Protein backbone atom coordinates (compact mmCIF):
# COMPACT_ATOMS: atom_id res chain seq x y z
CA MET A 1 -13.46 29.53 29.96
CA ALA A 2 -10.06 30.97 30.86
CA GLU A 3 -9.41 27.89 33.00
CA LEU A 4 -10.12 25.59 30.04
CA VAL A 5 -7.75 27.52 27.80
CA ALA A 6 -5.03 27.56 30.45
CA ASP A 7 -5.44 23.83 31.03
CA ALA A 8 -5.30 23.12 27.27
CA ARG A 9 -2.10 25.14 26.96
CA ALA A 10 -0.53 23.43 29.94
CA ASN A 11 -1.58 19.94 28.83
CA PRO A 12 -1.80 19.86 25.03
CA TYR A 13 -3.30 16.79 23.44
CA VAL A 14 -0.68 14.84 21.53
CA GLN A 15 -1.86 11.98 19.38
CA TRP A 16 0.57 9.07 19.36
CA ARG A 17 1.30 7.58 15.95
CA ALA A 18 3.09 4.35 15.30
CA ALA A 19 6.25 4.55 13.25
CA LEU A 20 5.98 3.46 9.63
CA VAL A 21 7.35 0.00 8.90
CA PRO A 22 9.05 0.09 5.48
CA GLY A 23 7.28 -2.23 3.06
CA GLN A 24 4.68 -3.36 5.61
CA ARG A 25 1.65 -2.24 7.63
CA ASN A 26 2.24 -0.48 10.96
CA ALA A 27 0.20 -0.60 14.19
CA ASP A 28 -2.00 2.26 12.92
CA ASP A 29 -2.86 0.24 9.79
CA ILE A 30 -0.79 2.48 7.50
CA ILE A 31 1.07 0.72 4.70
CA SER A 32 4.34 2.12 3.41
CA THR A 33 6.58 1.37 0.47
CA PRO A 34 9.98 -0.28 1.01
CA ASP A 35 11.55 3.19 1.20
CA GLY A 36 9.10 4.17 3.99
CA THR A 37 6.66 6.39 2.08
CA ALA A 38 3.08 6.14 3.40
CA MET A 39 0.50 4.85 0.93
CA GLU A 40 -3.04 6.18 0.36
CA LEU A 41 -5.78 4.33 -1.50
CA LEU A 42 -6.85 5.86 -4.83
CA PHE A 43 -9.06 3.13 -6.33
CA ASP A 44 -10.43 0.05 -4.57
CA GLU A 45 -10.36 -2.09 -7.66
CA ILE A 46 -8.55 -1.92 -11.00
CA ASP A 47 -8.44 -4.37 -13.88
CA PRO A 48 -5.29 -6.12 -15.17
CA GLU A 49 -4.94 -3.76 -18.12
CA VAL A 50 -4.84 -0.72 -15.83
CA ALA A 51 -2.41 -2.51 -13.50
CA ARG A 52 0.00 -3.24 -16.35
CA SER A 53 -0.30 0.31 -17.68
CA GLU A 54 0.50 1.75 -14.23
CA VAL A 55 3.60 -0.45 -13.92
CA GLU A 56 4.73 0.57 -17.41
CA SER A 57 4.43 4.18 -16.16
CA GLY A 58 6.64 3.46 -13.13
CA ALA A 59 4.29 2.11 -10.46
CA LEU A 60 5.54 -0.33 -7.85
CA VAL A 61 3.74 -3.62 -7.18
CA VAL A 62 2.97 -5.13 -3.79
CA TRP A 63 1.28 -8.44 -3.11
CA GLY A 64 -0.82 -9.50 -0.14
CA GLY A 65 -1.54 -13.21 -0.17
CA CYS A 66 -4.75 -13.64 1.74
CA GLY A 67 -6.97 -11.78 -0.71
CA CYS A 68 -9.10 -10.49 2.17
CA GLY A 69 -8.48 -6.82 1.53
CA ASP A 70 -6.17 -4.03 2.57
CA THR A 71 -6.58 -4.36 6.32
CA ASP A 72 -4.65 -7.56 7.10
CA CYS A 73 -2.77 -9.19 4.25
CA GLY A 74 -0.04 -10.60 6.44
CA GLU A 75 3.53 -10.18 5.21
CA LEU A 76 3.63 -8.09 2.04
CA GLU A 77 5.92 -8.89 -0.89
CA TRP A 78 7.34 -6.32 -3.30
CA PRO A 79 8.33 -8.11 -6.52
CA ASP A 80 11.16 -6.74 -8.60
CA ILE A 81 9.71 -5.10 -11.71
CA ASP A 82 11.92 -7.38 -13.87
CA GLU A 83 9.99 -10.39 -12.53
CA LEU A 84 6.74 -9.01 -13.94
CA GLY A 85 7.79 -8.80 -17.58
CA GLU A 86 5.34 -7.58 -20.19
CA ALA A 87 2.70 -10.25 -19.70
CA GLU A 88 -0.86 -9.33 -18.80
CA PRO A 89 -1.21 -9.88 -15.05
CA ARG A 90 -3.78 -12.21 -13.50
CA PHE A 91 -4.87 -11.68 -9.92
CA ASP A 92 -7.93 -12.15 -7.70
CA TRP A 93 -8.21 -8.38 -7.45
CA ALA A 94 -6.03 -5.29 -7.16
CA GLY A 95 -6.27 -1.69 -6.02
CA LEU A 96 -4.30 1.41 -6.93
CA TRP A 97 -2.51 3.44 -4.26
CA GLN A 98 -0.46 6.64 -4.15
CA ALA A 99 2.83 6.88 -2.23
CA GLY A 100 4.35 10.32 -2.51
CA GLN A 101 4.95 10.91 -6.23
CA ARG A 102 4.67 7.21 -7.09
CA ARG A 103 1.73 4.89 -7.61
CA VAL A 104 1.48 1.37 -6.23
CA VAL A 105 -0.54 -1.55 -7.62
CA PHE A 106 -1.65 -3.67 -4.66
CA ALA A 107 -2.49 -7.19 -5.91
CA HIS A 108 -4.36 -9.61 -3.65
CA GLY A 109 -4.84 -13.36 -3.47
CA SER A 110 -3.63 -15.55 -6.31
CA VAL A 111 -1.31 -13.69 -8.67
CA ARG A 112 0.39 -14.67 -11.91
CA TRP A 113 2.37 -11.82 -13.43
CA GLY A 114 5.36 -12.81 -15.53
CA ARG A 115 7.71 -14.83 -13.32
CA PHE A 116 5.94 -13.63 -10.15
CA VAL A 117 3.52 -16.41 -9.21
CA ARG A 118 1.89 -16.66 -5.78
C-alpha cells in the first residue's frame, strides 16, 4: 500500500481540459458565452413565452442552426439584444442555460425573433 501512495504522490493524475472558446463549443464539448463564461444546461426545452421573459430579465441569446441539439450546432451566433425587439420569438426549440450569474436562451433550428431571422 505504501508503494501505491508513494507512486500516486510522485505521479499525480492530471486531467487535461481544453481551453474555453469564447462564444463557441470547445474540444471538451463545453459551450461558453462570448466573454468566456462556461455554460451549464438548466432546462432542455422552454417555450417562447419563457424565452422572451428570460431575455427581458437580462438573458443572452445564442442560436445554433442545425436544430440537432446541444452537442454539435456548428458555428454559434449571438444576436444583439436590440435585434430581438419585443416580439414573441418563434423557433424549432430552445433550452435555458446558466453562465455564471447570467442565463442564456439557446435557440435551435429555424428562428424568427424580431429582426433576427435564421
